[in-house]
C-alpha atoms as a PDB file:
ATOM      1  CA  MET A   1     174.462-135.383 -12.227  1.00  0.00           C
ATOM      2  CA  SER A   2     173.577-138.405  -9.912  1.00  0.00           C
ATOM      3  CA  GLU A   3     173.738-142.203 -10.500  1.00  0.00           C
ATOM      4  CA  VAL A   4     171.881-145.010  -8.827  1.00  0.00           C
ATOM      5  CA  ILE A   5     171.806-148.796  -9.295  1.00  0.00           C
ATOM      6  CA  ILE A   6     168.217-150.178  -9.685  1.00  0.00           C
ATOM      7  CA  ALA A   7     167.950-154.024  -9.486  1.00  0.00           C
ATOM      8  CA  LYS A   8     165.774-155.499 -12.159  1.00  0.00           C
ATOM      9  CA  ASP A   9     163.543-157.144  -9.623  1.00  0.00           C
ATOM     10  CA  GLU A  10     162.971-153.762  -8.016  1.00  0.00           C
ATOM     11  CA  LEU A  11     162.203-151.922 -11.364  1.00  0.00           C
ATOM     12  CA  GLY A  12     158.498-152.851 -11.288  1.00  0.00           C
ATOM     13  CA  SER A  13     158.223-151.097  -7.933  1.00  0.00           C
ATOM     14  CA  PHE A  14     160.096-148.059  -9.209  1.00  0.00           C
ATOM     15  CA  VAL A  15     157.745-147.748 -12.254  1.00  0.00           C
ATOM     16  CA  GLY A  16     154.568-148.333  -9.987  1.00  0.00           C
ATOM     17  CA  ARG A  17     155.507-145.322  -8.011  1.00  0.00           C
ATOM     18  CA  LEU A  18     155.929-143.232 -11.103  1.00  0.00           C
ATOM     19  CA  LEU A  19     152.547-144.322 -12.135  1.00  0.00           C
ATOM     20  CA  GLU A  20     150.998-142.817  -9.063  1.00  0.00           C
ATOM     21  CA  SER A  21     152.075-139.409 -10.112  1.00  0.00           C
ATOM     22  CA  TYR A  22     152.498-139.493 -13.927  1.00  0.00           C
ATOM     23  CA  GLU A  23     151.159-140.719 -17.200  1.00  0.00           C
ATOM     24  CA  VAL A  24     153.870-143.279 -18.305  1.00  0.00           C
ATOM     25  CA  PHE A  25     154.464-144.359 -21.844  1.00  0.00           C
ATOM     26  CA  GLY A  26     156.826-147.043 -22.720  1.00  0.00           C
ATOM     27  CA  PRO A  27     157.645-149.802 -25.289  1.00  0.00           C
ATOM     28  CA  VAL A  28     154.915-152.548 -25.378  1.00  0.00           C
ATOM     29  CA  SER A  29     154.459-155.545 -27.534  1.00  0.00           C
ATOM     30  CA  ARG A  30     151.663-155.473 -30.017  1.00  0.00           C
ATOM     31  CA  GLY A  31     151.116-158.034 -32.700  1.00  0.00           C
ATOM     32  CA  GLY A  32     154.712-158.970 -33.054  1.00  0.00           C
ATOM     33  CA  MET A  33     156.010-155.434 -33.058  1.00  0.00           C
ATOM     34  CA  TYR A  34     156.887-152.901 -30.466  1.00  0.00           C
ATOM     35  CA  LEU A  35     155.063-149.534 -30.045  1.00  0.00           C
ATOM     36  CA  PHE A  36     155.139-146.649 -27.570  1.00  0.00           C
ATOM     37  CA  GLU A  37     151.893-146.600 -25.742  1.00  0.00           C
ATOM     38  CA  ARG A  38     150.572-145.455 -22.273  1.00  0.00           C
ATOM     39  CA  ILE A  39     150.888-148.297 -19.746  1.00  0.00           C
ATOM     40  CA  SER A  40     148.833-148.810 -16.681  1.00  0.00           C
ATOM     41  CA  ALA A  41     151.080-151.386 -15.025  1.00  0.00           C
ATOM     42  CA  PRO A  42     154.723-151.982 -14.876  1.00  0.00           C
ATOM     43  CA  GLU A  43     154.615-155.465 -16.265  1.00  0.00           C
ATOM     44  CA  GLU A  44     153.540-154.079 -19.662  1.00  0.00           C
ATOM     45  CA  LEU A  45     156.993-152.634 -20.328  1.00  0.00           C
ATOM     46  CA  GLU A  46     159.162-154.649 -22.724  1.00  0.00           C
ATOM     47  CA  LEU A  47     162.646-153.240 -22.186  1.00  0.00           C
ATOM     48  CA  SER A  48     164.229-155.991 -24.280  1.00  0.00           C
ATOM     49  CA  TYR A  49     163.214-154.401 -27.453  1.00  0.00           C
ATOM     50  CA  LYS A  50     165.769-153.441 -30.192  1.00  0.00           C
ATOM     51  CA  ASN A  51     163.510-150.496 -31.386  1.00  0.00           C
ATOM     52  CA  SER A  52     159.900-149.691 -31.796  1.00  0.00           C
ATOM     53  CA  ARG A  53     158.252-149.919 -35.133  1.00  0.00           C
ATOM     54  CA  LEU A  54     157.052-146.332 -34.839  1.00  0.00           C
ATOM     55  CA  SER A  55     158.964-143.765 -33.069  1.00  0.00           C
ATOM     56  CA  PRO A  56     157.696-142.217 -29.697  1.00  0.00           C
ATOM     57  CA  LYS A  57     156.915-138.963 -31.739  1.00  0.00           C
ATOM     58  CA  GLY A  58     153.238-139.857 -31.743  1.00  0.00           C
ATOM     59  CA  VAL A  59     153.051-139.113 -28.023  1.00  0.00           C
ATOM     60  CA  PHE A  60     153.607-135.386 -28.965  1.00  0.00           C
ATOM     61  CA  LEU A  61     152.221-135.542 -32.460  1.00  0.00           C
ATOM     62  CA  PRO A  62     149.464-137.992 -32.655  1.00  0.00           C
ATOM     63  CA  GLN A  63     148.855-139.655 -36.101  1.00  0.00           C
ATOM     64  CA  SER A  64     145.402-138.169 -36.104  1.00  0.00           C
ATOM     65  CA  GLU A  65     144.199-135.435 -33.783  1.00  0.00           C
ATOM     66  CA  ARG A  66     140.994-133.393 -33.313  1.00  0.00           C
ATOM     67  CA  MET A  67     142.026-129.656 -33.516  1.00  0.00           C
ATOM     68  CA  PHE A  68     138.720-127.843 -33.711  1.00  0.00           C
ATOM     69  CA  GLU A  69     135.002-128.679 -33.752  1.00  0.00           C
ATOM     70  CA  PHE A  70     132.062-126.742 -35.350  1.00  0.00           C
ATOM     71  CA  THR A  71     128.390-126.916 -35.946  1.00  0.00           C
ATOM     72  CA  LEU A  72     126.564-126.337 -39.255  1.00  0.00           C
ATOM     73  CA  ALA A  73     123.211-126.565 -37.594  1.00  0.00           C
ATOM     74  CA  PRO A  74     120.773-123.886 -38.964  1.00  0.00           C
ATOM     75  CA  GLY A  75     119.857-121.183 -36.352  1.00  0.00           C
ATOM     76  CA  GLU A  76     122.804-121.818 -34.101  1.00  0.00           C
ATOM     77  CA  GLU A  77     124.616-118.565 -33.089  1.00  0.00           C
ATOM     78  CA  ASP A  78     128.065-120.172 -33.456  1.00  0.00           C
ATOM     79  CA  ARG A  79     127.287-121.872 -36.818  1.00  0.00           C
ATOM     80  CA  GLY A  80     130.399-122.345 -38.812  1.00  0.00           C
ATOM     81  CA  ILE A  81     132.700-121.069 -36.046  1.00  0.00           C
ATOM     82  CA  LEU A  82     135.712-123.194 -35.127  1.00  0.00           C
ATOM     83  CA  LYS A  83     136.176-124.011 -31.391  1.00  0.00           C
ATOM     84  CA  GLU A  84     139.474-125.437 -30.060  1.00  0.00           C
ATOM     85  CA  VAL A  85     138.879-129.054 -28.713  1.00  0.00           C
ATOM     86  CA  PRO A  86     139.699-129.116 -25.061  1.00  0.00           C
ATOM     87  CA  LYS A  87     142.983-131.039 -24.277  1.00  0.00           C
ATOM     88  CA  GLU A  88     144.747-132.256 -21.142  1.00  0.00           C
ATOM     89  CA  PHE A  89     148.398-131.541 -20.785  1.00  0.00           C
ATOM     90  CA  LYS A  90     149.431-133.848 -17.987  1.00  0.00           C
ATOM     91  CA  GLN A  91     152.935-134.628 -16.793  1.00  0.00           C
ATOM     92  CA  ARG A  92     154.147-137.526 -18.775  1.00  0.00           C
ATOM     93  CA  ILE A  93     157.128-139.880 -18.577  1.00  0.00           C
ATOM     94  CA  LEU A  94     158.567-141.519 -21.715  1.00  0.00           C
ATOM     95  CA  PHE A  95     160.223-144.630 -20.148  1.00  0.00           C
ATOM     96  CA  GLY A  96     162.850-146.589 -22.063  1.00  0.00           C
ATOM     97  CA  ILE A  97     163.183-144.539 -25.309  1.00  0.00           C
ATOM     98  CA  ARG A  98     166.161-145.010 -27.341  1.00  0.00           C
ATOM     99  CA  PRO A  99     168.789-142.065 -27.521  1.00  0.00           C
ATOM    100  CA  CYS A 100     168.112-141.685 -31.209  1.00  0.00           C
ATOM    101  CA  ASP A 101     164.578-140.932 -30.537  1.00  0.00           C
ATOM    102  CA  ALA A 102     165.296-138.415 -27.846  1.00  0.00           C
ATOM    103  CA  GLN A 103     167.688-136.648 -30.251  1.00  0.00           C
ATOM    104  CA  ALA A 104     164.949-136.666 -32.905  1.00  0.00           C
ATOM    105  CA  PHE A 105     162.676-134.580 -30.606  1.00  0.00           C
ATOM    106  CA  ASN A 106     165.279-131.841 -30.566  1.00  0.00           C
ATOM    107  CA  LEU A 107     165.284-131.858 -34.330  1.00  0.00           C
ATOM    108  CA  VAL A 108     161.480-131.653 -34.560  1.00  0.00           C
ATOM    109  CA  ASP A 109     161.507-128.776 -32.025  1.00  0.00           C
ATOM    110  CA  VAL A 110     163.308-126.726 -34.803  1.00  0.00           C
ATOM    111  CA  ASN A 111     160.122-126.874 -36.769  1.00  0.00           C
ATOM    112  CA  PHE A 112     157.417-126.701 -34.108  1.00  0.00           C
ATOM    113  CA  ILE A 113     159.115-124.246 -31.641  1.00  0.00           C
ATOM    114  CA  THR A 114     160.624-121.215 -33.413  1.00  0.00           C
ATOM    115  CA  LYS A 115     160.984-117.479 -32.724  1.00  0.00           C
ATOM    116  CA  GLU A 116     158.240-116.697 -35.109  1.00  0.00           C
ATOM    117  CA  TYR A 117     155.804-119.574 -34.547  1.00  0.00           C
ATOM    118  CA  LYS A 118     155.150-122.055 -31.831  1.00  0.00           C
ATOM    119  CA  ASP A 119     152.765-125.084 -32.212  1.00  0.00           C
ATOM    120  CA  PRO A 120     150.976-124.826 -28.811  1.00  0.00           C
ATOM    121  CA  TRP A 121     150.246-128.407 -28.499  1.00  0.00           C
ATOM    122  CA  TRP A 122     153.677-129.784 -29.338  1.00  0.00           C
ATOM    123  CA  ALA A 123     155.325-127.227 -27.243  1.00  0.00           C
ATOM    124  CA  ARG A 124     153.138-127.893 -24.135  1.00  0.00           C
ATOM    125  CA  ARG A 125     153.511-131.719 -24.392  1.00  0.00           C
ATOM    126  CA  ARG A 126     157.229-131.420 -24.857  1.00  0.00           C
ATOM    127  CA  GLU A 127     157.396-129.005 -21.716  1.00  0.00           C
ATOM    128  CA  LYS A 128     155.441-131.661 -19.530  1.00  0.00           C
ATOM    129  CA  ALA A 129     157.415-134.630 -20.794  1.00  0.00           C
ATOM    130  CA  ILE A 130     160.227-136.340 -18.838  1.00  0.00           C
ATOM    131  CA  LEU A 131     162.368-138.544 -20.902  1.00  0.00           C
ATOM    132  CA  ILE A 132     163.965-141.706 -19.553  1.00  0.00           C
ATOM    133  CA  GLY A 133     166.342-143.227 -22.130  1.00  0.00           C
ATOM    134  CA  LEU A 134     167.531-146.732 -22.427  1.00  0.00           C
ATOM    135  CA  GLY A 135     171.001-147.151 -23.981  1.00  0.00           C
ATOM    136  CA  CYS A 136     171.509-149.715 -26.801  1.00  0.00           C
ATOM    137  CA  ASN A 137     173.713-152.604 -25.786  1.00  0.00           C
ATOM    138  CA  GLU A 138     173.046-154.368 -29.023  1.00  0.00           C
ATOM    139  CA  PRO A 139     172.559-151.925 -31.972  1.00  0.00           C
ATOM    140  CA  ARG A 140     170.856-153.250 -35.093  1.00  0.00           C
ATOM    141  CA  SER A 141     172.761-153.875 -38.262  1.00  0.00           C
ATOM    142  CA  THR A 142     170.925-150.969 -39.794  1.00  0.00           C
ATOM    143  CA  CYS A 143     171.806-148.343 -37.092  1.00  0.00           C
ATOM    144  CA  PHE A 144     174.221-145.495 -37.966  1.00  0.00           C
ATOM    145  CA  CYS A 145     173.544-142.979 -35.212  1.00  0.00           C
ATOM    146  CA  THR A 146     177.292-142.523 -34.552  1.00  0.00           C
ATOM    147  CA  SER A 147     177.326-140.797 -38.065  1.00  0.00           C
ATOM    148  CA  THR A 148     174.588-138.438 -37.201  1.00  0.00           C
ATOM    149  CA  GLY A 149     175.857-136.800 -34.023  1.00  0.00           C
ATOM    150  CA  GLY A 150     174.346-139.350 -31.699  1.00  0.00           C
ATOM    151  CA  GLY A 151     175.378-142.783 -30.322  1.00  0.00           C
ATOM    152  CA  PRO A 152     174.015-145.847 -28.608  1.00  0.00           C
ATOM    153  CA  PHE A 153     174.288-144.121 -25.206  1.00  0.00           C
ATOM    154  CA  SER A 154     173.958-140.471 -26.262  1.00  0.00           C
ATOM    155  CA  GLU A 155     172.512-138.207 -23.509  1.00  0.00           C
ATOM    156  CA  LYS A 156     171.151-135.566 -25.866  1.00  0.00           C
ATOM    157  CA  GLY A 157     167.640-134.515 -24.744  1.00  0.00           C
ATOM    158  CA  LEU A 158     167.295-136.975 -21.937  1.00  0.00           C
ATOM    159  CA  ASP A 159     166.549-136.358 -18.282  1.00  0.00           C
ATOM    160  CA  ILE A 160     167.765-139.863 -17.342  1.00  0.00           C
ATOM    161  CA  LEU A 161     169.726-142.599 -19.116  1.00  0.00           C
ATOM    162  CA  LEU A 162     169.543-146.263 -18.146  1.00  0.00           C
ATOM    163  CA  TYR A 163     172.399-148.725 -18.721  1.00  0.00           C
ATOM    164  CA  ASP A 164     171.314-152.341 -18.764  1.00  0.00           C
ATOM    165  CA  LEU A 165     173.919-154.163 -16.764  1.00  0.00           C
ATOM    166  CA  GLY A 166     172.346-157.572 -16.862  1.00  0.00           C
ATOM    167  CA  ASP A 167     170.798-158.117 -13.381  1.00  0.00           C
ATOM    168  CA  SER A 168     170.311-154.276 -12.838  1.00  0.00           C
ATOM    169  CA  PHE A 169     170.113-150.889 -14.428  1.00  0.00           C
ATOM    170  CA  LEU A 170     172.507-147.979 -13.761  1.00  0.00           C
ATOM    171  CA  ALA A 171     170.255-144.880 -13.989  1.00  0.00           C
ATOM    172  CA  ARG A 172     172.062-141.626 -14.636  1.00  0.00           C
ATOM    173  CA  SER A 173     170.320-138.345 -13.940  1.00  0.00           C
ATOM    174  CA  LEU A 174     170.977-135.664 -16.501  1.00  0.00           C
ATOM    175  CA  SER A 175     168.669-132.874 -15.284  1.00  0.00           C
ATOM    176  CA  ASP A 176     166.862-131.474 -12.173  1.00  0.00           C
ATOM    177  CA  ARG A 177     163.853-133.338 -13.368  1.00  0.00           C
ATOM    178  CA  GLY A 178     165.814-136.516 -13.551  1.00  0.00           C
ATOM    179  CA  ASN A 179     167.074-135.975  -9.971  1.00  0.00           C
ATOM    180  CA  GLU A 180     163.354-135.704  -8.863  1.00  0.00           C
ATOM    181  CA  ILE A 181     162.466-138.926 -10.656  1.00  0.00           C
ATOM    182  CA  LEU A 182     165.360-140.881  -9.101  1.00  0.00           C
ATOM    183  CA  SER A 183     164.286-139.742  -5.680  1.00  0.00           C
ATOM    184  CA  HIS A 184     161.470-142.280  -6.138  1.00  0.00           C
ATOM    185  CA  SER A 185     164.029-145.008  -6.274  1.00  0.00           C
ATOM    186  CA  SER A 186     165.431-146.957  -3.504  1.00  0.00           C
ATOM    187  CA  GLY A 187     168.605-147.821  -5.458  1.00  0.00           C
ATOM    188  CA  LYS A 188     172.160-147.527  -4.199  1.00  0.00           C
ATOM    189  CA  GLU A 189     175.012-145.625  -5.509  1.00  0.00           C
ATOM    190  CA  PRO A 190     177.127-147.525  -8.109  1.00  0.00           C
ATOM    191  CA  GLY A 191     180.583-148.951  -7.247  1.00  0.00           C
ATOM    192  CA  GLU A 192     183.695-148.970  -9.456  1.00  0.00           C
ATOM    193  CA  LYS A 193     182.688-152.429 -10.802  1.00  0.00           C
ATOM    194  CA  GLU A 194     179.407-150.979 -12.227  1.00  0.00           C
ATOM    195  CA  LYS A 195     181.196-147.895 -13.655  1.00  0.00           C
ATOM    196  CA  GLU A 196     183.659-150.081 -15.369  1.00  0.00           C
ATOM    197  CA  LYS A 197     180.957-152.306 -16.825  1.00  0.00           C
ATOM    198  CA  VAL A 198     179.179-149.042 -18.048  1.00  0.00           C
ATOM    199  CA  GLN A 199     182.323-147.972 -19.848  1.00  0.00           C
ATOM    200  CA  LYS A 200     182.888-151.357 -21.472  1.00  0.00           C
ATOM    201  CA  LEU A 201     179.062-151.524 -22.543  1.00  0.00           C
ATOM    202  CA  GLU A 202     179.599-148.018 -24.369  1.00  0.00           C
ATOM    203  CA  GLU A 203     182.811-149.144 -26.105  1.00  0.00           C
ATOM    204  CA  ASN A 204     181.372-152.548 -27.097  1.00  0.00           C
ATOM    205  CA  SER A 205     178.186-151.042 -28.374  1.00  0.00           C
ATOM    206  CA  VAL A 206     179.804-148.330 -30.559  1.00  0.00           C
ATOM    207  CA  SER A 207     182.087-150.982 -32.033  1.00  0.00           C
ATOM    208  CA  LYS A 208     179.223-152.823 -33.239  1.00  0.00           C
ATOM    209  CA  ILE A 209     178.088-150.029 -35.580  1.00  0.00           C
ATOM    210  CA  LYS A 210     180.375-150.857 -38.490  1.00  0.00           C
ATOM    211  CA  ARG A 211     179.341-148.307 -41.083  1.00  0.00           C
ATOM    212  CA  THR A 212     180.597-144.805 -40.789  1.00  0.00           C
ATOM    213  CA  LEU A 213     179.048-142.208 -43.280  1.00  0.00           C
ATOM    214  CA  PRO A 214     180.550-139.141 -44.676  1.00  0.00           C
ATOM    215  CA  VAL A 215     177.703-136.897 -43.404  1.00  0.00           C
ATOM    216  CA  ASP A 216     179.907-133.997 -42.572  1.00  0.00           C
ATOM    217  CA  ARG A 217     180.665-133.582 -46.354  1.00  0.00           C
ATOM    218  CA  LEU A 218     177.159-132.771 -47.198  1.00  0.00           C
ATOM    219  CA  LYS A 219     177.351-129.215 -45.918  1.00  0.00           C
ATOM    220  CA  ASP A 220     179.939-128.421 -48.441  1.00  0.00           C
ATOM    221  CA  LYS A 221     178.186-129.716 -51.424  1.00  0.00           C
ATOM    222  CA  ASP A 222     176.797-127.386 -53.981  1.00  0.00           C
ATOM    223  CA  LEU A 223     172.801-127.350 -53.567  1.00  0.00           C
ATOM    224  CA  LEU A 224     172.041-127.028 -57.337  1.00  0.00           C
ATOM    225  CA  GLU A 225     174.581-129.568 -58.312  1.00  0.00           C
ATOM    226  CA  LEU A 226     172.966-132.087 -56.019  1.00  0.00           C
ATOM    227  CA  PHE A 227     169.435-131.064 -57.088  1.00  0.00           C
ATOM    228  CA  ASN A 228     170.274-131.561 -60.796  1.00  0.00           C
ATOM    229  CA  ALA A 229     172.266-134.703 -60.425  1.00  0.00           C
ATOM    230  CA  LYS A 230     171.529-137.656 -62.662  1.00  0.00           C
ATOM    231  CA  PHE A 231     171.882-140.175 -59.860  1.00  0.00           C
ATOM    232  CA  TRP A 232     168.296-139.398 -58.668  1.00  0.00           C
ATOM    233  CA  GLU A 233     166.888-141.446 -61.597  1.00  0.00           C
ATOM    234  CA  ASP A 234     168.678-144.599 -60.152  1.00  0.00           C
ATOM    235  CA  ILE A 235     167.538-143.780 -56.527  1.00  0.00           C
ATOM    236  CA  GLU A 236     163.912-143.324 -57.474  1.00  0.00           C
ATOM    237  CA  PHE A 237     163.610-146.202 -59.875  1.00  0.00           C
ATOM    238  CA  ALA A 238     162.355-148.838 -57.251  1.00  0.00           C
ATOM    239  CA  CYS A 239     160.306-146.541 -55.073  1.00  0.00           C
ATOM    240  CA  ILE A 240     156.530-147.168 -55.058  1.00  0.00           C
ATOM    241  CA  ASN A 241     155.673-143.965 -53.159  1.00  0.00           C
ATOM    242  CA  CYS A 242     154.065-146.007 -50.293  1.00  0.00           C
ATOM    243  CA  GLY A 243     155.174-143.485 -47.668  1.00  0.00           C
ATOM    244  CA  THR A 244     156.418-146.062 -45.152  1.00  0.00           C
ATOM    245  CA  CYS A 245     159.775-144.280 -44.763  1.00  0.00           C
ATOM    246  CA  THR A 246     158.091-141.049 -43.653  1.00  0.00           C
ATOM    247  CA  PHE A 247     155.706-142.596 -41.290  1.00  0.00           C
ATOM    248  CA  VAL A 248     158.291-144.704 -39.374  1.00  0.00           C
ATOM    249  CA  CYS A 249     160.759-141.681 -39.458  1.00  0.00           C
ATOM    250  CA  PRO A 250     161.088-140.017 -36.030  1.00  0.00           C
ATOM    251  CA  THR A 251     162.034-136.569 -37.591  1.00  0.00           C
ATOM    252  CA  CYS A 252     159.374-136.344 -40.222  1.00  0.00           C
ATOM    253  CA  TRP A 253     156.901-133.603 -39.194  1.00  0.00           C
ATOM    254  CA  CYS A 254     154.509-133.053 -42.284  1.00  0.00           C
ATOM    255  CA  PHE A 255     150.825-133.117 -41.590  1.00  0.00           C
ATOM    256  CA  ASP A 256     147.594-132.333 -43.460  1.00  0.00           C
ATOM    257  CA  ILE A 257     144.481-130.747 -42.168  1.00  0.00           C
ATOM    258  CA  GLN A 258     141.044-131.835 -43.260  1.00  0.00           C
ATOM    259  CA  ASP A 259     137.456-131.237 -42.153  1.00  0.00           C
ATOM    260  CA  GLU A 260     135.042-134.279 -41.526  1.00  0.00           C
ATOM    261  CA  VAL A 261     131.341-133.585 -41.219  1.00  0.00           C
ATOM    262  CA  TYR A 262     128.569-135.835 -40.209  1.00  0.00           C
ATOM    263  CA  LYS A 263     125.128-134.375 -40.326  1.00  0.00           C
ATOM    264  CA  ASN A 264     125.410-130.953 -38.826  1.00  0.00           C
ATOM    265  CA  GLU A 265     128.653-131.529 -36.697  1.00  0.00           C
ATOM    266  CA  GLY A 266     132.099-131.288 -37.889  1.00  0.00           C
ATOM    267  CA  ASP A 267     135.717-131.711 -36.790  1.00  0.00           C
ATOM    268  CA  ARG A 268     138.931-130.274 -38.092  1.00  0.00           C
ATOM    269  CA  LEU A 269     141.614-132.843 -37.944  1.00  0.00           C
ATOM    270  CA  ARG A 270     145.401-132.843 -38.222  1.00  0.00           C
ATOM    271  CA  ASN A 271     146.813-136.029 -39.688  1.00  0.00           C
ATOM    272  CA  TRP A 272     150.263-137.290 -40.559  1.00  0.00           C
ATOM    273  CA  ASP A 273     150.995-136.698 -44.106  1.00  0.00           C
ATOM    274  CA  SER A 274     153.921-137.743 -46.368  1.00  0.00           C
ATOM    275  CA  CYS A 275     155.957-135.913 -49.202  1.00  0.00           C
ATOM    276  CA  MET A 276     156.039-139.237 -50.884  1.00  0.00           C
ATOM    277  CA  PHE A 277     152.314-139.112 -51.702  1.00  0.00           C
ATOM    278  CA  PRO A 278     151.450-137.968 -55.290  1.00  0.00           C
ATOM    279  CA  ILE A 279     148.903-135.370 -54.078  1.00  0.00           C
ATOM    280  CA  PHE A 280     150.978-133.955 -51.169  1.00  0.00           C
ATOM    281  CA  THR A 281     151.757-130.855 -53.171  1.00  0.00           C
ATOM    282  CA  LEU A 282     148.642-130.607 -55.194  1.00  0.00           C
ATOM    283  CA  HIS A 283     147.377-127.044 -55.427  1.00  0.00           C
ATOM    284  CA  GLY A 284     143.710-126.006 -55.628  1.00  0.00           C
ATOM    285  CA  SER A 285     144.407-124.814 -59.238  1.00  0.00           C
ATOM    286  CA  GLY A 286     145.183-128.354 -60.123  1.00  0.00           C
ATOM    287  CA  HIS A 287     148.904-127.606 -60.629  1.00  0.00           C
ATOM    288  CA  ASN A 288     151.281-130.122 -58.938  1.00  0.00           C
ATOM    289  CA  PRO A 289     154.937-128.926 -58.610  1.00  0.00           C
ATOM    290  CA  ARG A 290     155.993-132.597 -57.634  1.00  0.00           C
ATOM    291  CA  ALA A 291     153.863-134.562 -59.786  1.00  0.00           C
ATOM    292  CA  GLN A 292     156.737-137.059 -60.736  1.00  0.00           C
ATOM    293  CA  LYS A 293     158.103-139.746 -58.483  1.00  0.00           C
ATOM    294  CA  LEU A 294     161.590-138.423 -58.914  1.00  0.00           C
ATOM    295  CA  GLN A 295     160.780-135.067 -57.660  1.00  0.00           C
ATOM    296  CA  ARG A 296     159.173-136.550 -54.539  1.00  0.00           C
ATOM    297  CA  VAL A 297     162.041-138.927 -53.801  1.00  0.00           C
ATOM    298  CA  ARG A 298     164.535-136.103 -54.326  1.00  0.00           C
ATOM    299  CA  GLN A 299     162.671-133.827 -52.009  1.00  0.00           C
ATOM    300  CA  ARG A 300     162.662-136.367 -49.103  1.00  0.00           C
ATOM    301  CA  PHE A 301     166.397-136.811 -49.270  1.00  0.00           C
ATOM    302  CA  MET A 302     167.280-133.313 -50.098  1.00  0.00           C
ATOM    303  CA  HIS A 303     165.179-131.988 -47.230  1.00  0.00           C
ATOM    304  CA  LYS A 304     166.802-134.164 -44.623  1.00  0.00           C
ATOM    305  CA  LEU A 305     170.371-134.267 -45.967  1.00  0.00           C
ATOM    306  CA  LYS A 306     170.871-130.752 -47.581  1.00  0.00           C
ATOM    307  CA  TYR A 307     168.114-128.298 -47.101  1.00  0.00           C
ATOM    308  CA  TYR A 308     167.971-128.793 -43.413  1.00  0.00           C
ATOM    309  CA  VAL A 309     171.777-128.707 -43.243  1.00  0.00           C
ATOM    310  CA  ASP A 310     172.067-125.535 -45.060  1.00  0.00           C
ATOM    311  CA  LYS A 311     169.205-123.724 -43.305  1.00  0.00           C
ATOM    312  CA  TYR A 312     169.975-124.729 -39.640  1.00  0.00           C
ATOM    313  CA  GLY A 313     173.587-125.614 -39.630  1.00  0.00           C
ATOM    314  CA  ASN A 314     173.151-128.215 -36.915  1.00  0.00           C
ATOM    315  CA  GLY A 315     173.707-131.451 -38.965  1.00  0.00           C
ATOM    316  CA  VAL A 316     171.297-133.564 -40.905  1.00  0.00           C
ATOM    317  CA  ALA A 317     167.546-134.101 -40.143  1.00  0.00           C
ATOM    318  CA  CYS A 318     168.302-137.836 -39.538  1.00  0.00           C
ATOM    319  CA  VAL A 319     169.279-139.613 -36.299  1.00  0.00           C
ATOM    320  CA  GLY A 320     170.400-142.800 -37.803  1.00  0.00           C
ATOM    321  CA  CYS A 321     167.786-145.078 -36.246  1.00  0.00           C
ATOM    322  CA  GLY A 322     167.570-147.233 -39.388  1.00  0.00           C
ATOM    323  CA  ARG A 323     163.752-147.555 -39.395  1.00  0.00           C
ATOM    324  CA  CYS A 324     163.310-146.514 -42.938  1.00  0.00           C
ATOM    325  CA  VAL A 325     166.074-149.110 -43.922  1.00  0.00           C
ATOM    326  CA  VAL A 326     164.284-151.967 -42.253  1.00  0.00           C
ATOM    327  CA  SER A 327     160.739-150.960 -43.438  1.00  0.00           C
ATOM    328  CA  CYS A 328     161.297-150.031 -47.038  1.00  0.00           C
ATOM    329  CA  PRO A 329     159.683-152.656 -49.138  1.00  0.00           C
ATOM    330  CA  VAL A 330     161.937-152.135 -52.086  1.00  0.00           C
ATOM    331  CA  ASN A 331     165.134-151.804 -50.083  1.00  0.00           C
ATOM    332  CA  ILE A 332     166.030-148.119 -50.722  1.00  0.00           C
ATOM    333  CA  ASP A 333     168.781-147.540 -48.092  1.00  0.00           C
ATOM    334  CA  ILE A 334     169.266-143.917 -46.938  1.00  0.00           C
ATOM    335  CA  ARG A 335     172.867-144.873 -45.948  1.00  0.00           C
ATOM    336  CA  ARG A 336     173.674-145.436 -49.595  1.00  0.00           C
ATOM    337  CA  VAL A 337     171.978-142.291 -50.553  1.00  0.00           C
ATOM    338  CA  ILE A 338     174.117-140.319 -48.153  1.00  0.00           C
ATOM    339  CA  GLU A 339     177.238-141.877 -49.615  1.00  0.00           C
ATOM    340  CA  ILE A 340     176.140-140.999 -53.170  1.00  0.00           C
ATOM    341  CA  MET A 341     175.225-137.497 -52.214  1.00  0.00           C
ATOM    342  CA  ALA A 342     178.575-136.947 -50.357  1.00  0.00           C
ATOM    343  CA  THR A 343     180.556-138.286 -53.423  1.00  0.00           C
ATOM    344  CA  ASP A 344     181.804-135.655 -55.795  1.00  0.00           C
ATOM    345  CA  VAL A 345     179.026-135.380 -58.366  1.00  0.00           C
ATOM    346  CA  CYS A 346     181.097-134.848 -61.339  1.00  0.00           C
ATOM    347  CA  GLU A 347     183.486-137.557 -60.482  1.00  0.00           C
ATOM    348  CA  ARG A 348     180.584-139.958 -60.045  1.00  0.00           C
ATOM    349  CA  GLU A 349     178.773-139.169 -63.239  1.00  0.00           C
ATOM    350  CA  GLU A 350     181.586-139.146 -65.724  1.00  0.00           C
END
């Protein structure tokens, strides 16, 4: 592990050197919100952001992606045969991602990179990606990352972690790739003053996350007892099944596949989907096992907070970023749901 101090007036030069060799993605301002997009110049970066509206997950799993193409033209030898759409897998840097989003990538890997199955596009993009995180000096009131195995300055999944010291950044390398990236910097080694400031930043930031959730209790809860609990009626009452919570979530991985045809040419697309949509589980037979809103709301929370916990044993499928809390139009709060699920069901429903 190595550390260097990069003055803020030198950061542009540092990012400029990275742009010469890598595709760089970072937080940019778009219409009053922050999104992660590819940048072409250092000044596009907006590192003062609290968090992006959507997570950087889209860099690895685009909202809509052409998978295959085909022709239906009469007389063509390859008529009706799917052909993989050519893709480029270049070395990429995700600059300034929050630690919660880096942790989310590790959780999604559990679905897309397994012993039995590997999504080739997700896997290759992940292999080519270098993650430069930006610690959170000022967590939002909706953040609860310290309850989900992370923290404002968590190093999980990162190659470099940046600490904003005011007039400079302390950049801490966490991998060999991180060391290579910092070799592009002309920064100096930090002194005791900078190291003390880093420690105080971490302590102050953690102290600003006021809510501690009983996440560890979820693994001991009886699955069927939770599934059949009456409290789901109260939780689902306000939900309008808009799907916003799943689209802003960095750990949601559901997608749909559909074919689009224009004249004789067609594409097979992969699009983000949501378990909150009424037709998400609609079968070709017409049967829908989750036709009711209550069933869909329960599925969302049970998957993240119980099914995933029981299957993988590595905590909940949530990183505490708070995006769903901020974006829900009817104020359903996952923190409250965690507290309800973790409370003894019989005691609560007497």
